[in-house]
Amino acid sequence: MAMTGGIAQLDTHDVFNQPPLLEGVNLFTGDRALSDAVASAGAGAHHARLASLGARCGSAEVIGWGAEANRVLPVLETHDRFGHRSEQVTFHPAYHELMR
């Protein structure tokens, strides 16, 4: 086994069977079935706005928010610090960014 510079550089550690990161893509224009469905439903006038939204949703920032919101689960707080029922759910800030 040839070593070319550290453990991470071993010839056996070349990862070639993974897809590229899903970021910097337009999730509306890249989805032909969705684009065609919007056009056939007579909503073609909204194509530019949907394309803008698709570009935003496919950005690295928004995809990162989604990953973070999935990683950190919501927390149910049934009682406050005094023992009174509060029934509040606390979400990670990334979840709120996605819902804006």
N, C-alpha and C. Protein backbone atom coordinates (compact mmCIF):
# COMPACT_ATOMS: atom_id res chain seq x y z
N MET A 1 0.85 -1.16 0.00
CA MET A 1 0.00 0.00 0.00
C MET A 1 0.90 1.22 0.00
N ALA A 2 0.76 2.04 -1.02
CA ALA A 2 1.59 3.24 -1.13
C ALA A 2 1.01 4.36 -0.28
N MET A 3 1.89 5.05 0.42
CA MET A 3 1.45 6.17 1.26
C MET A 3 2.02 7.44 0.65
N THR A 4 1.13 8.38 0.35
CA THR A 4 1.57 9.58 -0.34
C THR A 4 1.58 10.82 0.53
N GLY A 5 1.24 10.73 1.79
CA GLY A 5 1.28 11.92 2.64
C GLY A 5 0.22 11.91 3.72
N GLY A 6 0.39 11.10 4.74
CA GLY A 6 -0.58 11.08 5.83
C GLY A 6 -1.64 10.02 5.64
N ILE A 7 -2.34 9.72 6.73
CA ILE A 7 -3.34 8.66 6.72
C ILE A 7 -4.49 8.96 5.76
N ALA A 8 -4.87 10.22 5.64
CA ALA A 8 -5.98 10.57 4.76
C ALA A 8 -5.60 10.48 3.29
N GLN A 9 -4.32 10.36 3.00
CA GLN A 9 -3.86 10.33 1.62
C GLN A 9 -3.51 8.92 1.14
N LEU A 10 -3.87 7.90 1.91
CA LEU A 10 -3.60 6.54 1.47
C LEU A 10 -4.34 6.26 0.16
N ASP A 11 -3.71 5.47 -0.69
CA ASP A 11 -4.34 5.13 -1.97
C ASP A 11 -5.69 4.45 -1.78
N THR A 12 -5.88 3.78 -0.66
CA THR A 12 -7.14 3.08 -0.41
C THR A 12 -8.25 4.01 0.07
N HIS A 13 -7.95 5.27 0.28
CA HIS A 13 -8.94 6.19 0.82
C HIS A 13 -9.50 7.15 -0.23
N ASP A 14 -9.30 6.84 -1.49
CA ASP A 14 -9.92 7.65 -2.55
C ASP A 14 -11.39 7.28 -2.62
N VAL A 15 -12.25 8.26 -2.38
CA VAL A 15 -13.69 8.03 -2.41
C VAL A 15 -14.19 8.53 -3.76
N PHE A 16 -14.70 7.61 -4.57
CA PHE A 16 -15.13 7.97 -5.91
C PHE A 16 -16.57 7.57 -6.20
N ASN A 17 -17.23 6.92 -5.27
CA ASN A 17 -18.58 6.43 -5.52
C ASN A 17 -19.65 7.26 -4.80
N GLN A 18 -19.36 8.51 -4.51
CA GLN A 18 -20.31 9.38 -3.82
C GLN A 18 -20.76 10.49 -4.76
N PRO A 19 -22.03 10.86 -4.71
CA PRO A 19 -22.49 11.95 -5.56
C PRO A 19 -21.93 13.28 -5.06
N PRO A 20 -21.89 14.29 -5.92
CA PRO A 20 -21.43 15.60 -5.46
C PRO A 20 -22.45 16.20 -4.49
N LEU A 21 -22.01 17.18 -3.72
CA LEU A 21 -22.91 17.84 -2.78
C LEU A 21 -24.08 18.47 -3.53
N LEU A 22 -25.25 18.39 -2.94
CA LEU A 22 -26.43 19.02 -3.51
C LEU A 22 -26.49 20.45 -3.00
N GLU A 23 -25.85 21.35 -3.71
CA GLU A 23 -25.89 22.76 -3.35
C GLU A 23 -25.59 23.57 -4.61
N GLY A 24 -26.13 24.76 -4.64
CA GLY A 24 -25.93 25.60 -5.80
C GLY A 24 -26.74 25.13 -7.00
N VAL A 25 -27.85 24.45 -6.75
CA VAL A 25 -28.72 23.98 -7.83
C VAL A 25 -30.07 24.66 -7.72
N ASN A 26 -30.77 24.75 -8.83
CA ASN A 26 -32.11 25.31 -8.82
C ASN A 26 -33.09 24.15 -8.70
N LEU A 27 -33.76 24.06 -7.56
CA LEU A 27 -34.63 22.93 -7.30
C LEU A 27 -35.95 23.00 -8.07
N PHE A 28 -36.24 24.13 -8.70
CA PHE A 28 -37.44 24.22 -9.53
C PHE A 28 -37.11 23.90 -10.98
N THR A 29 -36.17 24.63 -11.56
CA THR A 29 -35.85 24.39 -12.97
C THR A 29 -35.15 23.05 -13.17
N GLY A 30 -34.51 22.53 -12.13
CA GLY A 30 -33.85 21.24 -12.21
C GLY A 30 -34.82 20.06 -12.11
N ASP A 31 -36.06 20.34 -11.77
CA ASP A 31 -37.09 19.30 -11.64
C ASP A 31 -38.04 19.44 -12.82
N ARG A 32 -37.75 18.72 -13.88
CA ARG A 32 -38.54 18.88 -15.11
C ARG A 32 -40.01 18.53 -14.91
N ALA A 33 -40.29 17.50 -14.13
CA ALA A 33 -41.68 17.11 -13.89
C ALA A 33 -42.44 18.23 -13.19
N LEU A 34 -41.81 18.87 -12.22
CA LEU A 34 -42.46 19.98 -11.52
C LEU A 34 -42.66 21.17 -12.44
N SER A 35 -41.64 21.53 -13.21
CA SER A 35 -41.76 22.65 -14.14
C SER A 35 -42.86 22.40 -15.17
N ASP A 36 -42.90 21.18 -15.70
CA ASP A 36 -43.94 20.83 -16.69
C ASP A 36 -45.33 20.85 -16.06
N ALA A 37 -45.45 20.38 -14.83
CA ALA A 37 -46.75 20.38 -14.15
C ALA A 37 -47.24 21.80 -13.90
N VAL A 38 -46.34 22.69 -13.53
CA VAL A 38 -46.72 24.09 -13.31
C VAL A 38 -47.19 24.70 -14.63
N ALA A 39 -46.47 24.43 -15.70
CA ALA A 39 -46.84 24.98 -17.01
C ALA A 39 -48.18 24.41 -17.49
N SER A 40 -48.38 23.10 -17.32
CA SER A 40 -49.63 22.48 -17.80
C SER A 40 -50.83 22.86 -16.94
N ALA A 41 -50.59 23.29 -15.71
CA ALA A 41 -51.68 23.73 -14.83
C ALA A 41 -52.06 25.18 -15.10
N GLY A 42 -51.38 25.81 -16.05
CA GLY A 42 -51.71 27.19 -16.38
C GLY A 42 -51.07 28.21 -15.47
N ALA A 43 -50.06 27.81 -14.74
CA ALA A 43 -49.40 28.73 -13.81
C ALA A 43 -48.05 29.18 -14.34
N GLY A 44 -47.89 29.16 -15.65
CA GLY A 44 -46.63 29.57 -16.27
C GLY A 44 -46.24 31.00 -15.96
N ALA A 45 -47.22 31.83 -15.62
CA ALA A 45 -46.93 33.23 -15.28
C ALA A 45 -46.08 33.33 -14.02
N HIS A 46 -46.07 32.29 -13.22
CA HIS A 46 -45.31 32.29 -11.97
C HIS A 46 -43.94 31.63 -12.11
N HIS A 47 -43.57 31.28 -13.33
CA HIS A 47 -42.32 30.56 -13.55
C HIS A 47 -41.11 31.31 -12.99
N ALA A 48 -41.00 32.60 -13.24
CA ALA A 48 -39.83 33.36 -12.79
C ALA A 48 -39.74 33.38 -11.26
N ARG A 49 -40.87 33.56 -10.60
CA ARG A 49 -40.86 33.60 -9.13
C ARG A 49 -40.51 32.22 -8.56
N LEU A 50 -41.06 31.17 -9.16
CA LEU A 50 -40.75 29.82 -8.71
C LEU A 50 -39.29 29.46 -8.97
N ALA A 51 -38.74 29.93 -10.09
CA ALA A 51 -37.33 29.69 -10.39
C ALA A 51 -36.44 30.39 -9.37
N SER A 52 -36.84 31.59 -8.97
CA SER A 52 -36.09 32.31 -7.94
C SER A 52 -36.13 31.57 -6.61
N LEU A 53 -37.31 31.08 -6.25
CA LEU A 53 -37.46 30.31 -5.01
C LEU A 53 -36.66 29.01 -5.09
N GLY A 54 -36.69 28.36 -6.25
CA GLY A 54 -35.93 27.12 -6.43
C GLY A 54 -34.43 27.33 -6.29
N ALA A 55 -33.94 28.47 -6.78
CA ALA A 55 -32.52 28.79 -6.63
C ALA A 55 -32.17 29.03 -5.17
N ARG A 56 -33.05 29.73 -4.46
CA ARG A 56 -32.80 30.00 -3.04
C ARG A 56 -32.82 28.70 -2.23
N CYS A 57 -33.81 27.85 -2.50
CA CYS A 57 -33.92 26.59 -1.75
C CYS A 57 -32.77 25.64 -2.05
N GLY A 58 -32.16 25.77 -3.21
CA GLY A 58 -31.03 24.92 -3.57
C GLY A 58 -29.68 25.49 -3.19
N SER A 59 -29.68 26.62 -2.49
CA SER A 59 -28.41 27.23 -2.09
C SER A 59 -27.79 26.44 -0.93
N ALA A 60 -26.49 26.57 -0.79
CA ALA A 60 -25.78 25.87 0.28
C ALA A 60 -26.28 26.31 1.64
N GLU A 61 -26.63 27.58 1.77
CA GLU A 61 -27.10 28.11 3.06
C GLU A 61 -28.40 27.43 3.49
N VAL A 62 -29.37 27.38 2.59
CA VAL A 62 -30.68 26.81 2.94
C VAL A 62 -30.58 25.30 3.14
N ILE A 63 -29.80 24.62 2.32
CA ILE A 63 -29.61 23.18 2.51
C ILE A 63 -28.92 22.92 3.84
N GLY A 64 -28.02 23.79 4.23
CA GLY A 64 -27.37 23.67 5.55
C GLY A 64 -28.36 23.85 6.68
N TRP A 65 -29.29 24.80 6.52
CA TRP A 65 -30.34 24.97 7.54
C TRP A 65 -31.15 23.69 7.69
N GLY A 66 -31.49 23.08 6.56
CA GLY A 66 -32.27 21.84 6.60
C GLY A 66 -31.54 20.73 7.31
N ALA A 67 -30.26 20.59 7.03
CA ALA A 67 -29.46 19.56 7.69
C ALA A 67 -29.39 19.81 9.19
N GLU A 68 -29.21 21.07 9.57
CA GLU A 68 -29.11 21.41 10.99
C GLU A 68 -30.46 21.21 11.69
N ALA A 69 -31.55 21.60 11.03
CA ALA A 69 -32.88 21.42 11.62
C ALA A 69 -33.21 19.93 11.79
N ASN A 70 -32.74 19.09 10.89
CA ASN A 70 -32.96 17.64 11.02
C ASN A 70 -32.07 17.03 12.09
N ARG A 71 -30.88 17.59 12.27
CA ARG A 71 -29.93 17.03 13.24
C ARG A 71 -30.35 17.31 14.67
N VAL A 72 -30.89 18.52 14.93
CA VAL A 72 -31.26 18.92 16.28
C VAL A 72 -32.78 18.81 16.41
N LEU A 73 -33.25 17.83 17.13
CA LEU A 73 -34.68 17.58 17.26
C LEU A 73 -35.36 18.63 18.13
N PRO A 74 -36.64 18.92 17.87
CA PRO A 74 -37.40 19.83 18.74
C PRO A 74 -37.48 19.26 20.15
N VAL A 75 -37.58 20.16 21.12
CA VAL A 75 -37.65 19.75 22.53
C VAL A 75 -39.00 20.16 23.09
N LEU A 76 -39.75 19.20 23.63
CA LEU A 76 -41.03 19.48 24.28
C LEU A 76 -40.77 19.82 25.74
N GLU A 77 -41.17 21.01 26.13
CA GLU A 77 -41.04 21.44 27.52
C GLU A 77 -42.45 21.46 28.11
N THR A 78 -42.75 20.47 28.93
CA THR A 78 -44.11 20.33 29.46
C THR A 78 -44.37 21.22 30.65
N HIS A 79 -43.32 21.58 31.39
CA HIS A 79 -43.49 22.40 32.59
C HIS A 79 -42.41 23.48 32.65
N ASP A 80 -42.76 24.62 33.23
CA ASP A 80 -41.76 25.67 33.42
C ASP A 80 -40.94 25.37 34.67
N ARG A 81 -40.06 26.26 35.04
CA ARG A 81 -39.17 25.99 36.17
C ARG A 81 -39.88 25.99 37.51
N PHE A 82 -41.14 26.48 37.54
CA PHE A 82 -41.91 26.49 38.78
C PHE A 82 -42.86 25.30 38.87
N GLY A 83 -42.85 24.43 37.87
CA GLY A 83 -43.69 23.25 37.88
C GLY A 83 -45.04 23.44 37.22
N HIS A 84 -45.29 24.64 36.67
CA HIS A 84 -46.55 24.89 35.97
C HIS A 84 -46.47 24.34 34.55
N ARG A 85 -47.60 23.83 34.07
CA ARG A 85 -47.62 23.30 32.70
C ARG A 85 -47.39 24.44 31.71
N SER A 86 -46.51 24.19 30.76
CA SER A 86 -46.23 25.22 29.76
C SER A 86 -46.49 24.74 28.34
N GLU A 87 -46.31 23.43 28.09
CA GLU A 87 -46.57 22.82 26.78
C GLU A 87 -45.93 23.64 25.65
N GLN A 88 -44.65 23.88 25.72
CA GLN A 88 -43.94 24.61 24.68
C GLN A 88 -42.97 23.68 23.96
N VAL A 89 -42.84 23.91 22.67
CA VAL A 89 -41.87 23.16 21.88
C VAL A 89 -40.80 24.15 21.43
N THR A 90 -39.56 23.82 21.70
CA THR A 90 -38.44 24.67 21.32
C THR A 90 -37.76 24.06 20.10
N PHE A 91 -37.63 24.87 19.05
CA PHE A 91 -37.00 24.43 17.81
C PHE A 91 -35.65 25.09 17.64
N HIS A 92 -34.77 24.44 16.91
CA HIS A 92 -33.47 25.01 16.56
C HIS A 92 -33.71 26.24 15.68
N PRO A 93 -32.90 27.29 15.79
CA PRO A 93 -33.08 28.48 14.95
C PRO A 93 -33.08 28.19 13.45
N ALA A 94 -32.38 27.16 13.01
CA ALA A 94 -32.37 26.82 11.58
C ALA A 94 -33.77 26.44 11.11
N TYR A 95 -34.55 25.81 11.97
CA TYR A 95 -35.92 25.44 11.62
C TYR A 95 -36.73 26.70 11.34
N HIS A 96 -36.56 27.73 12.16
CA HIS A 96 -37.29 28.98 11.96
C HIS A 96 -36.83 29.68 10.68
N GLU A 97 -35.56 29.59 10.36
CA GLU A 97 -35.07 30.18 9.11
C GLU A 97 -35.74 29.51 7.91
N LEU A 98 -35.91 28.20 7.98
CA LEU A 98 -36.56 27.48 6.88
C LEU A 98 -38.03 27.87 6.73
N MET A 99 -38.68 28.21 7.82
CA MET A 99 -40.11 28.52 7.80
C MET A 99 -40.41 29.97 7.42
N ARG A 100 -39.37 30.80 7.30
CA ARG A 100 -39.62 32.20 6.92
C ARG A 100 -40.06 32.31 5.49
